Amino acid sequence: MAKPEKLNWFYLALLVFAVALPFSEGLISTSIGLLLLASLFSTGKNTILLRINDRKVLLFPISVFFVYVIWLVSTNDWNWALYDLKKNLSYLIIPFAFIISPTITNEQHFNVLKLFALAVFSSALITITYFNLQDESSLLQAQHYGFIHHIRFSFQLILSMGIILYLLLKEFLHLKIWYKLLLVVAICFLFVFLVWHQSLTGMLAFLGTAFFAIFFLSSKMKGKWVKRIFYFCLILLVLVPTSYLVLAINSFYSGDEFTIDELEQKTENGNLYSHDTENKVLENGNYVWLYVCEKELAIEWNKRSEIDYYANSVNGYSIRQTLIRYLTSKGFRKDAEGVKKLSEEDIKNIEKGISNYIFARKGISLYPRVYMSIWEIDTYIKTGFANQRSLAQRIEYTRAALTIIKDNFWFGVGTGNWKKAYAEAYEKNQSKMDPARYGDAHNQYLNYIVKFGIIGFILIMFLLMYPVLKTKAYRDPIFMVFLISLLFANFGDSNLETHVGSNFFIFFYCFFLIPYIDGGFGKSIQ
């Protein structure tokens, strides 16, 4: 049995890739090239075919790229077709690099995982530090900070927590107390960051992954009381988030109902109020368009701010609408007296486009994001308005995807044709959304069905699932954390068709499979 190379260039390329993932899209692209070059450089001509034969199961994920190629047969838009192919080149390059790569040892394998977790921790620490050094008034802006998109970073956080927890449990008896505490602190920080970063998709992926992880661990426990503790944790994992959401919804709708006869008609200054009783939009349980006196609002606002009442905020939002919503969120009437009650901090918040005092909170809280999501859905149901509203737009995206699927159920619209298909679906659905905001489903599974139909979707799922089942790699708990987190995250975005998401997935997919394909770390295939 031959030993792994003393200077394993492929191993070095793996380390570079692991560091690149949480930091830079450009460095990820460079790392792909380095990974392939390192494999080619470390492999003799006579061993390439042998390695392809021994690791042929990795040809299955490579075949995902050729699904896009096959579905070119129905392409009408070659510009977008080539765009699709370019985005998915990772499925071709990275598995091939792993197929012909030299082996790495068990120690090197875990060094890559440790370095990745350290890189994610460092990226999170830099991000939260930089945010707190800025003049940001809204916690909702947290998700716009970071080296990569917050959704893509969320499942990197989950994998890192899984890696650290596994290392802690695996070596618990051999680790010094200070090192155990350090690992626990690292896990807690990554979780706190996940909450702070305001990614609902990431939180749902975390909860789903945690549920399956606890369920798996409970099945391995033999003691009756230990099992009961795990079952109790499972119940809490469902009950606590559900209760939190119910309380948030109840709080949102906690305002008093009204009758038209009860509404006061004049302000303290004797001016008439406007009461739009048909508009049921709420802020913190208060009706936005009751008790509005724009005459007084304009005069009093212009006394307190250099930005005109009818102008836009520094972020492009209407001062008028922001002020009315902000006053409503505070429970103030929209008149001169209401504006007088605002603090200087409130005025600054409105000038920055913050429409609810809840959004101006700093610290660690997921409530602003939860509240915003409830507000978006409530407003969307009442008005059909979805522009600039993340969750409401996703509802429109999903409706459009289902419209396309209904007409192209078996084989989809084909590679590259999705852009035109979505535009036509929005028109067919009579969407009120701005055409500039038309997009795909933001759901990986729906996107696959839109492009390739149910036939292509099943084919892709088979190509990705078969190697895991064939090699029994599902026995690796870290690999399962990785797969389950993405299983849930892909309901909230098309992660496998983004640059960071696709490279993160296919890199670690191959990385975790290789030891099981080779039958053990460091096994020679020459």
Protein backbone atom coordinates (compact mmCIF):
# COMPACT_ATOMS: atom_id res chain seq x y z
CA MET A 1 0.00 0.00 0.00
CA ALA A 2 1.53 3.26 -1.13
CA LYS A 3 1.62 6.20 1.22
CA PRO A 4 0.08 9.55 0.33
CA GLU A 5 2.52 12.03 -1.19
CA LYS A 6 4.67 13.95 1.27
CA LEU A 7 3.82 17.23 -0.46
CA ASN A 8 0.23 16.80 -1.52
CA TRP A 9 -0.63 19.76 -3.74
CA PHE A 10 -4.25 18.68 -3.86
CA TYR A 11 -4.43 18.85 -0.08
CA LEU A 12 -3.06 22.39 -0.19
CA ALA A 13 -5.67 23.29 -2.82
CA LEU A 14 -8.39 21.89 -0.54
CA LEU A 15 -7.19 24.16 2.25
CA VAL A 16 -7.28 27.20 -0.03
CA PHE A 17 -10.81 26.29 -1.19
CA ALA A 18 -11.99 25.88 2.41
CA VAL A 19 -10.74 29.38 3.30
CA ALA A 20 -12.17 30.95 0.12
CA LEU A 21 -15.76 29.77 0.65
CA PRO A 22 -16.80 32.20 3.43
CA PHE A 23 -14.73 35.11 2.13
CA SER A 24 -14.68 35.69 -1.60
CA GLU A 25 -16.57 34.74 -4.75
CA GLY A 26 -13.52 35.65 -6.81
CA LEU A 27 -11.22 33.50 -4.67
CA ILE A 28 -13.66 30.61 -5.02
CA SER A 29 -13.31 30.81 -8.80
CA THR A 30 -9.53 30.84 -8.46
CA SER A 31 -9.69 27.90 -6.06
CA ILE A 32 -11.60 25.81 -8.60
CA GLY A 33 -8.75 26.24 -11.05
CA LEU A 34 -6.17 25.47 -8.37
CA LEU A 35 -8.06 22.32 -7.38
CA LEU A 36 -8.08 21.01 -10.94
CA LEU A 37 -4.45 21.96 -11.60
CA ALA A 38 -3.33 20.35 -8.32
CA SER A 39 -5.10 17.11 -9.26
CA LEU A 40 -3.58 17.05 -12.73
CA PHE A 41 -0.14 17.97 -11.40
CA SER A 42 -0.28 15.20 -8.78
CA THR A 43 -1.52 12.49 -11.13
CA GLY A 44 0.45 10.46 -13.64
CA LYS A 45 -1.01 9.75 -17.06
CA ASN A 46 -1.12 6.04 -16.39
CA THR A 47 -3.24 6.42 -13.24
CA ILE A 48 -5.97 8.76 -14.52
CA LEU A 49 -8.03 6.02 -16.18
CA LEU A 50 -7.57 3.74 -13.19
CA ARG A 51 -8.79 6.45 -10.83
CA ILE A 52 -11.78 7.20 -13.05
CA ASN A 53 -12.70 3.52 -12.93
CA ASP A 54 -12.30 3.25 -9.16
CA ARG A 55 -14.14 6.48 -8.47
CA LYS A 56 -16.71 6.25 -11.23
CA VAL A 57 -19.55 6.92 -8.80
CA LEU A 58 -18.49 10.60 -8.93
CA LEU A 59 -19.51 10.60 -12.58
CA PHE A 60 -23.08 10.83 -11.30
CA PRO A 61 -22.80 14.42 -9.99
CA ILE A 62 -20.87 15.30 -13.15
CA SER A 63 -23.92 14.11 -15.08
CA VAL A 64 -25.97 16.95 -13.53
CA PHE A 65 -24.11 19.31 -15.86
CA PHE A 66 -25.09 17.15 -18.82
CA VAL A 67 -28.76 17.39 -17.84
CA TYR A 68 -28.43 21.08 -18.68
CA VAL A 69 -26.70 20.09 -21.95
CA ILE A 70 -29.39 17.56 -22.94
CA TRP A 71 -32.19 20.05 -22.26
CA LEU A 72 -30.54 22.45 -24.72
CA VAL A 73 -32.56 20.61 -27.35
CA SER A 74 -35.51 22.90 -26.64
CA THR A 75 -33.53 26.11 -26.09
CA ASN A 76 -34.83 29.29 -27.70
CA ASP A 77 -32.59 31.74 -25.87
CA TRP A 78 -28.92 30.82 -26.26
CA ASN A 79 -27.64 33.75 -24.22
CA TRP A 80 -29.42 32.52 -21.10
CA ALA A 81 -28.65 28.91 -22.01
CA LEU A 82 -24.92 29.64 -22.04
CA TYR A 83 -25.39 31.52 -18.77
CA ASP A 84 -26.93 28.38 -17.23
CA LEU A 85 -24.09 26.21 -18.49
CA LYS A 86 -21.46 28.62 -17.18
CA LYS A 87 -23.10 28.74 -13.73
CA ASN A 88 -23.05 24.95 -13.49
CA LEU A 89 -19.52 24.28 -14.71
CA SER A 90 -18.62 23.41 -11.12
CA TYR A 91 -20.53 20.13 -11.50
CA LEU A 92 -18.13 19.26 -14.30
CA ILE A 93 -14.83 20.51 -12.92
CA ILE A 94 -14.86 19.84 -9.17
CA PRO A 95 -15.99 16.17 -9.24
CA PHE A 96 -13.44 15.48 -12.00
CA ALA A 97 -10.71 17.08 -9.85
CA PHE A 98 -11.69 14.76 -6.98
CA ILE A 99 -11.84 11.71 -9.27
CA ILE A 100 -8.21 12.04 -10.38
CA SER A 101 -6.90 13.50 -7.11
CA PRO A 102 -4.35 11.83 -4.84
CA THR A 103 -5.55 10.50 -1.50
CA ILE A 104 -5.43 12.44 1.73
CA THR A 105 -5.06 11.14 5.25
CA ASN A 106 -7.66 11.18 8.00
CA GLU A 107 -5.72 13.96 9.71
CA GLN A 108 -5.62 16.03 6.53
CA HIS A 109 -9.35 15.47 6.02
CA PHE A 110 -10.17 16.92 9.43
CA ASN A 111 -7.62 19.71 8.99
CA VAL A 112 -9.64 20.92 5.99
CA LEU A 113 -12.84 20.84 8.07
CA LYS A 114 -11.18 22.62 10.99
CA LEU A 115 -9.74 25.32 8.74
CA PHE A 116 -13.12 25.82 7.08
CA ALA A 117 -14.82 26.23 10.48
CA LEU A 118 -12.10 28.67 11.53
CA ALA A 119 -12.53 30.65 8.30
CA VAL A 120 -16.32 30.83 8.81
CA PHE A 121 -15.81 31.93 12.43
CA SER A 122 -13.34 34.62 11.32
CA SER A 123 -15.66 35.83 8.56
CA ALA A 124 -18.55 36.11 11.04
CA LEU A 125 -16.43 37.90 13.63
CA ILE A 126 -15.15 40.44 11.09
CA THR A 127 -18.69 41.01 9.77
CA ILE A 128 -20.35 41.68 13.14
CA THR A 129 -17.44 43.87 14.25
CA TYR A 130 -17.56 45.94 11.07
CA PHE A 131 -21.33 46.35 11.35
CA ASN A 132 -21.08 47.71 14.88
CA LEU A 133 -18.45 50.21 13.78
CA GLN A 134 -20.83 51.64 11.18
CA ASP A 135 -23.56 54.21 11.67
CA GLU A 136 -26.38 51.73 11.12
CA SER A 137 -29.70 52.33 12.84
CA SER A 138 -31.54 49.17 11.78
CA LEU A 139 -30.73 45.59 12.72
CA LEU A 140 -32.44 44.53 9.49
CA GLN A 141 -29.41 45.91 7.64
CA ALA A 142 -27.26 43.17 9.22
CA GLN A 143 -28.06 40.73 6.43
CA HIS A 144 -26.50 43.12 3.91
CA TYR A 145 -23.15 42.89 5.70
CA GLY A 146 -20.68 40.09 5.10
CA PHE A 147 -18.37 38.77 2.43
CA ILE A 148 -21.01 36.58 0.77
CA HIS A 149 -24.83 36.48 0.59
CA HIS A 150 -26.43 35.92 3.99
CA ILE A 151 -28.39 32.82 2.90
CA ARG A 152 -25.30 31.15 1.47
CA PHE A 153 -23.36 32.06 4.60
CA SER A 154 -26.10 30.64 6.84
CA PHE A 155 -25.57 27.05 5.76
CA GLN A 156 -21.81 27.52 6.06
CA LEU A 157 -22.49 28.53 9.66
CA ILE A 158 -24.61 25.41 10.22
CA LEU A 159 -21.94 23.11 8.77
CA SER A 160 -19.28 24.81 10.91
CA MET A 161 -21.37 24.30 14.05
CA GLY A 162 -21.76 20.65 13.07
CA ILE A 163 -18.01 20.24 12.55
CA ILE A 164 -17.12 21.84 15.89
CA LEU A 165 -19.77 19.86 17.79
CA TYR A 166 -18.60 16.60 16.22
CA LEU A 167 -14.96 17.31 17.14
CA LEU A 168 -16.03 18.24 20.68
CA LEU A 169 -18.02 15.04 21.22
CA LYS A 170 -15.51 12.81 19.44
CA GLU A 171 -12.54 13.96 21.52
CA PHE A 172 -14.41 15.04 24.65
CA LEU A 173 -12.52 12.77 27.06
CA HIS A 174 -9.14 13.76 25.65
CA LEU A 175 -9.57 17.52 25.40
CA LYS A 176 -8.43 19.95 28.07
CA ILE A 177 -11.17 21.93 29.83
CA TRP A 178 -10.09 25.28 28.34
CA TYR A 179 -10.22 23.79 24.83
CA LYS A 180 -13.71 22.34 25.45
CA LEU A 181 -14.89 25.75 26.65
CA LEU A 182 -13.35 27.38 23.59
CA LEU A 183 -15.27 25.04 21.26
CA VAL A 184 -18.54 25.62 23.16
CA VAL A 185 -18.02 29.39 22.92
CA ALA A 186 -17.34 29.06 19.18
CA ILE A 187 -20.60 27.13 18.63
CA CYS A 188 -22.57 29.66 20.69
CA PHE A 189 -21.05 32.58 18.78
CA LEU A 190 -21.89 31.03 15.39
CA PHE A 191 -25.48 30.43 16.51
CA VAL A 192 -25.82 33.98 17.85
CA PHE A 193 -24.42 35.29 14.57
CA LEU A 194 -26.96 33.23 12.63
CA VAL A 195 -29.77 34.87 14.62
CA TRP A 196 -28.17 38.32 14.34
CA HIS A 197 -27.73 38.01 10.58
CA GLN A 198 -31.53 37.99 10.14
CA SER A 199 -31.76 35.04 7.74
CA LEU A 200 -35.09 33.24 8.17
CA THR A 201 -34.03 30.67 5.58
CA GLY A 202 -30.90 30.00 7.62
CA MET A 203 -32.87 29.68 10.86
CA LEU A 204 -35.34 27.24 9.30
CA ALA A 205 -32.43 25.21 7.93
CA PHE A 206 -30.82 25.21 11.37
CA LEU A 207 -34.01 24.08 13.12
CA GLY A 208 -34.60 21.34 10.56
CA THR A 209 -31.01 20.13 10.83
CA ALA A 210 -31.07 20.24 14.64
CA PHE A 211 -34.31 18.24 14.71
CA PHE A 212 -32.88 15.44 12.57
CA ALA A 213 -29.57 15.50 14.45
CA ILE A 214 -31.28 15.11 17.83
CA PHE A 215 -33.61 12.43 16.44
CA PHE A 216 -30.58 10.53 15.08
CA LEU A 217 -28.72 10.79 18.39
CA SER A 218 -31.79 9.63 20.31
CA SER A 219 -31.91 6.46 18.22
CA LYS A 220 -28.33 5.68 19.26
CA MET A 221 -28.96 6.09 22.98
CA LYS A 222 -29.69 3.01 25.08
CA GLY A 223 -30.70 4.46 28.44
CA LYS A 224 -34.44 5.06 28.94
CA TRP A 225 -33.98 8.41 30.68
CA VAL A 226 -31.40 9.59 28.17
CA LYS A 227 -33.85 8.82 25.36
CA ARG A 228 -36.57 10.75 27.17
CA ILE A 229 -34.30 13.77 27.49
CA PHE A 230 -33.65 13.69 23.75
CA TYR A 231 -37.36 13.33 22.99
CA PHE A 232 -38.06 16.28 25.28
CA CYS A 233 -35.49 18.32 23.33
CA LEU A 234 -37.26 17.39 20.10
CA ILE A 235 -40.57 18.61 21.51
CA LEU A 236 -38.95 21.87 22.64
CA LEU A 237 -37.37 22.33 19.22
CA VAL A 238 -40.82 22.33 17.66
CA LEU A 239 -42.78 23.96 20.49
CA VAL A 240 -40.52 26.96 21.23
CA PRO A 241 -40.24 28.36 17.66
CA THR A 242 -43.93 27.67 17.03
CA SER A 243 -44.96 29.46 20.23
CA TYR A 244 -42.66 32.37 19.41
CA LEU A 245 -44.24 32.72 15.97
CA VAL A 246 -47.78 32.52 17.36
CA LEU A 247 -46.98 35.21 19.95
CA ALA A 248 -45.45 37.41 17.24
CA ILE A 249 -48.55 37.05 15.04
CA ASN A 250 -50.89 37.73 17.97
CA SER A 251 -48.84 40.80 18.86
CA PHE A 252 -49.04 42.06 15.29
CA TYR A 253 -52.84 41.86 15.30
CA SER A 254 -53.26 43.05 18.89
CA GLY A 255 -54.80 46.43 18.03
CA ASP A 256 -58.34 47.43 18.94
CA GLU A 257 -61.10 47.23 16.37
CA PHE A 258 -63.00 50.40 15.58
CA THR A 259 -66.36 51.66 14.37
CA ILE A 260 -66.61 54.68 12.09
CA ASP A 261 -68.81 56.52 14.59
CA GLU A 262 -66.11 56.25 17.28
CA LEU A 263 -63.39 57.91 15.19
CA GLU A 264 -62.58 61.48 16.21
CA GLN A 265 -62.80 63.89 13.30
CA LYS A 266 -60.49 66.75 14.32
CA THR A 267 -56.96 67.16 15.66
CA GLU A 268 -56.15 69.16 18.78
CA ASN A 269 -55.44 72.09 16.45
CA GLY A 270 -58.90 71.84 14.90
CA ASN A 271 -57.86 70.35 11.54
CA LEU A 272 -59.75 67.46 9.97
CA TYR A 273 -58.41 63.91 10.14
CA SER A 274 -58.45 61.59 7.17
CA HIS A 275 -59.71 58.07 7.98
CA ASP A 276 -59.25 55.44 5.27
CA THR A 277 -61.38 52.74 6.84
CA GLU A 278 -61.06 50.48 3.79
CA ASN A 279 -57.27 50.23 4.11
CA LYS A 280 -56.54 47.65 6.82
CA VAL A 281 -52.70 47.81 6.73
CA LEU A 282 -51.23 47.60 10.25
CA GLU A 283 -48.11 48.57 12.17
CA ASN A 284 -47.76 46.97 15.60
CA GLY A 285 -51.50 46.35 15.70
CA ASN A 286 -52.39 49.95 14.81
CA TYR A 287 -54.17 50.95 11.59
CA VAL A 288 -51.82 53.01 9.44
CA TRP A 289 -54.38 55.14 7.63
CA LEU A 290 -56.55 56.24 10.53
CA TYR A 291 -56.03 59.60 12.21
CA VAL A 292 -53.99 61.13 9.40
CA CYS A 293 -53.73 64.90 8.99
CA GLU A 294 -51.20 65.51 6.24
CA LYS A 295 -51.51 69.29 6.51
CA GLU A 296 -50.11 69.19 10.04
CA LEU A 297 -47.64 66.39 9.26
CA ALA A 298 -45.98 68.34 6.43
CA ILE A 299 -45.65 71.56 8.45
CA GLU A 300 -44.43 69.95 11.66
CA TRP A 301 -42.05 67.54 9.90
CA ASN A 302 -40.39 70.33 7.92
CA LYS A 303 -39.75 72.14 11.21
CA ARG A 304 -37.77 69.17 12.53
CA SER A 305 -35.96 67.88 9.45
CA GLU A 306 -33.98 69.30 6.56
CA ILE A 307 -35.45 66.62 4.27
CA ASP A 308 -38.76 67.80 2.85
CA TYR A 309 -41.93 65.92 3.75
CA TYR A 310 -42.59 65.07 0.09
CA ALA A 311 -38.97 64.07 -0.66
CA ASN A 312 -37.31 60.68 -0.35
CA SER A 313 -35.09 59.44 2.45
CA VAL A 314 -31.35 58.82 1.98
CA ASN A 315 -32.27 55.21 1.13
CA GLY A 316 -34.80 56.23 -1.52
CA TYR A 317 -37.97 55.66 0.50
CA SER A 318 -40.79 58.23 0.67
CA ILE A 319 -40.46 60.38 3.81
CA ARG A 320 -44.22 60.84 3.83
CA GLN A 321 -45.05 57.15 3.95
CA THR A 322 -42.14 56.33 6.27
CA LEU A 323 -43.25 59.01 8.74
CA ILE A 324 -46.87 57.84 8.72
CA ARG A 325 -45.86 54.21 9.30
CA TYR A 326 -43.33 55.14 11.99
CA LEU A 327 -45.84 57.24 13.93
CA THR A 328 -48.34 54.37 13.67
CA SER A 329 -45.76 51.90 15.02
CA LYS A 330 -45.32 54.13 18.08
CA GLY A 331 -49.08 54.34 18.59
CA PHE A 332 -49.08 58.07 17.82
CA ARG A 333 -51.66 59.88 15.72
CA LYS A 334 -50.45 61.23 12.41
CA ASP A 335 -50.72 64.91 13.24
CA ALA A 336 -48.63 67.76 14.65
CA GLU A 337 -48.79 66.40 18.20
CA GLY A 338 -47.60 63.00 17.00
CA VAL A 339 -44.55 64.48 15.27
CA LYS A 340 -43.75 66.55 18.38
CA LYS A 341 -43.61 63.36 20.45
CA LEU A 342 -40.82 61.93 18.25
CA SER A 343 -37.32 62.03 19.69
CA GLU A 344 -34.29 63.20 17.72
CA GLU A 345 -33.32 59.57 17.31
CA ASP A 346 -36.75 58.86 15.82
CA ILE A 347 -36.30 61.70 13.33
CA LYS A 348 -32.93 60.29 12.25
CA ASN A 349 -34.47 56.84 11.85
CA ILE A 350 -37.21 58.20 9.57
CA GLU A 351 -34.67 60.14 7.53
CA LYS A 352 -32.85 56.84 6.98
CA GLY A 353 -36.04 55.19 5.71
CA ILE A 354 -36.78 53.14 8.84
CA SER A 355 -40.57 52.75 8.96
CA ASN A 356 -41.02 51.10 12.37
CA TYR A 357 -39.20 51.74 15.63
CA ILE A 358 -38.80 47.96 16.03
CA PHE A 359 -36.44 47.95 13.06
CA ALA A 360 -34.18 50.48 14.77
CA ARG A 361 -33.28 48.01 17.48
CA LYS A 362 -29.69 46.86 17.75
CA GLY A 363 -28.29 43.86 19.56
CA ILE A 364 -29.25 40.24 18.99
CA SER A 365 -32.86 39.66 18.00
CA LEU A 366 -34.68 37.83 15.25
CA TYR A 367 -37.94 39.63 16.01
CA PRO A 368 -37.45 42.52 13.51
CA ARG A 369 -37.07 39.97 10.70
CA VAL A 370 -40.06 37.94 11.92
CA TYR A 371 -42.17 41.09 12.26
CA MET A 372 -41.18 42.25 8.78
CA SER A 373 -42.19 38.89 7.32
CA ILE A 374 -45.60 38.98 9.05
CA TRP A 375 -46.10 42.57 7.86
CA GLU A 376 -45.15 41.66 4.28
CA ILE A 377 -47.61 38.78 4.16
CA ASP A 378 -50.37 40.83 5.79
CA THR A 379 -49.82 43.73 3.37
CA TYR A 380 -49.59 41.39 0.39
CA ILE A 381 -52.90 39.69 1.28
CA LYS A 382 -54.66 43.03 1.74
CA THR A 383 -53.14 44.95 -1.20
CA GLY A 384 -51.39 42.48 -3.53
CA PHE A 385 -48.31 44.71 -3.26
CA ALA A 386 -45.03 42.75 -3.36
CA ASN A 387 -42.37 45.18 -4.63
CA GLN A 388 -39.27 45.46 -2.42
CA ARG A 389 -40.72 42.88 -0.04
CA SER A 390 -38.57 39.76 0.17
CA LEU A 391 -41.17 37.27 1.40
CA ALA A 392 -44.07 38.78 -0.58
CA GLN A 393 -41.99 38.64 -3.75
CA ARG A 394 -41.24 34.99 -3.05
CA ILE A 395 -44.99 34.31 -3.03
CA GLU A 396 -45.23 35.90 -6.49
CA TYR A 397 -42.18 33.95 -7.64
CA THR A 398 -43.75 30.69 -6.48
CA ARG A 399 -47.06 31.48 -8.18
CA ALA A 400 -45.22 32.13 -11.43
CA ALA A 401 -43.24 28.89 -11.11
CA LEU A 402 -46.40 26.85 -10.51
CA THR A 403 -48.03 28.48 -13.54
CA ILE A 404 -45.07 27.42 -15.70
CA ILE A 405 -44.99 23.90 -14.25
CA LYS A 406 -48.70 23.45 -14.92
CA ASP A 407 -48.07 23.96 -18.65
CA ASN A 408 -44.68 22.15 -18.80
CA PHE A 409 -45.05 19.42 -16.21
CA TRP A 410 -43.10 16.53 -17.74
CA PHE A 411 -40.05 18.09 -19.41
CA GLY A 412 -40.02 21.74 -18.33
CA VAL A 413 -39.23 24.73 -20.53
CA GLY A 414 -35.62 23.74 -21.25
CA THR A 415 -32.21 25.21 -20.49
CA GLY A 416 -32.11 28.98 -20.91
CA ASN A 417 -35.85 29.42 -21.55
CA TRP A 418 -36.80 30.11 -17.94
CA LYS A 419 -36.33 33.89 -18.16
CA LYS A 420 -38.94 34.31 -20.88
CA ALA A 421 -41.22 31.70 -19.31
CA TYR A 422 -41.26 33.55 -15.98
CA ALA A 423 -41.99 36.90 -17.66
CA GLU A 424 -44.96 35.36 -19.46
CA ALA A 425 -46.17 33.71 -16.25
CA TYR A 426 -46.17 37.02 -14.36
CA GLU A 427 -48.27 38.58 -17.09
CA LYS A 428 -50.62 35.60 -17.13
CA ASN A 429 -51.01 35.86 -13.34
CA GLN A 430 -51.63 39.61 -13.66
CA SER A 431 -48.95 40.25 -11.07
CA LYS A 432 -48.75 43.75 -9.60
CA MET A 433 -45.01 43.38 -9.20
CA ASP A 434 -42.65 45.73 -11.04
CA PRO A 435 -41.25 43.87 -14.11
CA ALA A 436 -37.77 44.92 -12.99
CA ARG A 437 -38.28 42.65 -9.97
CA TYR A 438 -39.36 39.55 -11.89
CA GLY A 439 -37.25 36.58 -10.84
CA ASP A 440 -37.15 32.82 -10.56
CA ALA A 441 -38.87 30.80 -7.83
CA HIS A 442 -36.15 31.23 -5.19
CA ASN A 443 -36.76 27.55 -4.52
CA GLN A 444 -34.25 25.09 -5.93
CA TYR A 445 -36.72 22.25 -6.37
CA LEU A 446 -39.30 24.37 -8.20
CA ASN A 447 -36.55 25.83 -10.39
CA TYR A 448 -35.41 22.38 -11.45
CA ILE A 449 -38.97 21.39 -12.31
CA VAL A 450 -39.50 24.63 -14.25
CA LYS A 451 -36.42 23.98 -16.37
CA PHE A 452 -36.45 20.19 -16.69
CA GLY A 453 -39.93 19.10 -15.70
CA ILE A 454 -40.67 16.33 -13.23
CA ILE A 455 -38.59 13.92 -15.37
CA GLY A 456 -35.48 16.09 -15.18
CA PHE A 457 -36.04 16.83 -11.50
CA ILE A 458 -36.22 13.13 -10.60
CA LEU A 459 -33.13 12.49 -12.73
CA ILE A 460 -31.10 15.16 -10.93
CA MET A 461 -32.23 13.93 -7.50
CA PHE A 462 -31.21 10.40 -8.48
CA LEU A 463 -27.79 11.55 -9.73
CA LEU A 464 -27.13 13.28 -6.42
CA MET A 465 -28.65 10.69 -4.07
CA TYR A 466 -27.33 7.48 -5.63
CA PRO A 467 -23.63 8.03 -4.73
CA VAL A 468 -24.58 8.76 -1.11
CA LEU A 469 -26.61 5.54 -0.87
CA LYS A 470 -24.16 3.44 -2.88
CA THR A 471 -21.14 4.37 -0.76
CA LYS A 472 -23.13 4.50 2.51
CA ALA A 473 -21.62 7.93 3.14
CA TYR A 474 -24.78 8.80 5.08
CA ARG A 475 -23.03 7.18 8.03
CA ASP A 476 -20.90 10.32 8.34
CA PRO A 477 -22.75 12.62 10.79
CA ILE A 478 -21.05 15.79 9.49
CA PHE A 479 -22.03 14.88 5.93
CA MET A 480 -25.63 14.44 7.06
CA VAL A 481 -25.60 17.87 8.75
CA PHE A 482 -24.35 19.26 5.45
CA LEU A 483 -27.02 17.52 3.35
CA ILE A 484 -29.97 18.17 5.66
CA SER A 485 -29.16 21.87 6.08
CA LEU A 486 -29.11 22.28 2.30
CA LEU A 487 -32.25 20.17 1.95
CA PHE A 488 -34.11 22.80 3.99
CA ALA A 489 -32.22 25.85 2.72
CA ASN A 490 -33.11 24.98 -0.88
CA PHE A 491 -36.78 25.58 -0.11
CA GLY A 492 -35.89 29.23 0.49
CA ASP A 493 -33.57 29.93 -2.43
CA SER A 494 -32.02 28.46 -5.57
CA ASN A 495 -28.74 27.85 -3.79
CA LEU A 496 -27.38 25.22 -6.17
CA GLU A 497 -27.62 27.65 -9.06
CA THR A 498 -25.64 30.44 -7.40
CA HIS A 499 -21.87 30.76 -7.60
CA VAL A 500 -21.16 30.37 -3.87
CA GLY A 501 -23.98 27.90 -3.24
CA SER A 502 -23.17 25.51 -6.08
CA ASN A 503 -19.43 25.47 -5.36
CA PHE A 504 -19.98 25.01 -1.63
CA PHE A 505 -22.33 22.12 -2.30
CA ILE A 506 -20.36 20.20 -4.91
CA PHE A 507 -17.03 20.74 -3.13
CA PHE A 508 -18.15 19.29 0.19
CA TYR A 509 -20.36 16.71 -1.51
CA CYS A 510 -17.29 15.23 -3.20
CA PHE A 511 -15.08 15.86 -0.17
CA PHE A 512 -17.29 13.77 2.12
CA LEU A 513 -17.87 11.04 -0.47
CA ILE A 514 -14.23 10.37 -1.38
CA PRO A 515 -13.24 8.50 1.82
CA TYR A 516 -16.21 6.15 1.39
CA ILE A 517 -15.50 5.64 -2.30
CA ASP A 518 -11.88 4.76 -1.57
CA GLY A 519 -12.88 2.50 1.30
CA GLY A 520 -10.93 4.47 3.90
CA PHE A 521 -8.53 7.36 4.30
CA GLY A 522 -5.22 7.09 2.56
CA LYS A 523 -6.12 3.97 0.59
CA SER A 524 -4.05 3.67 -2.55
CA ILE A 525 -5.83 3.20 -5.82
CA GLN A 526 -2.71 2.84 -7.89
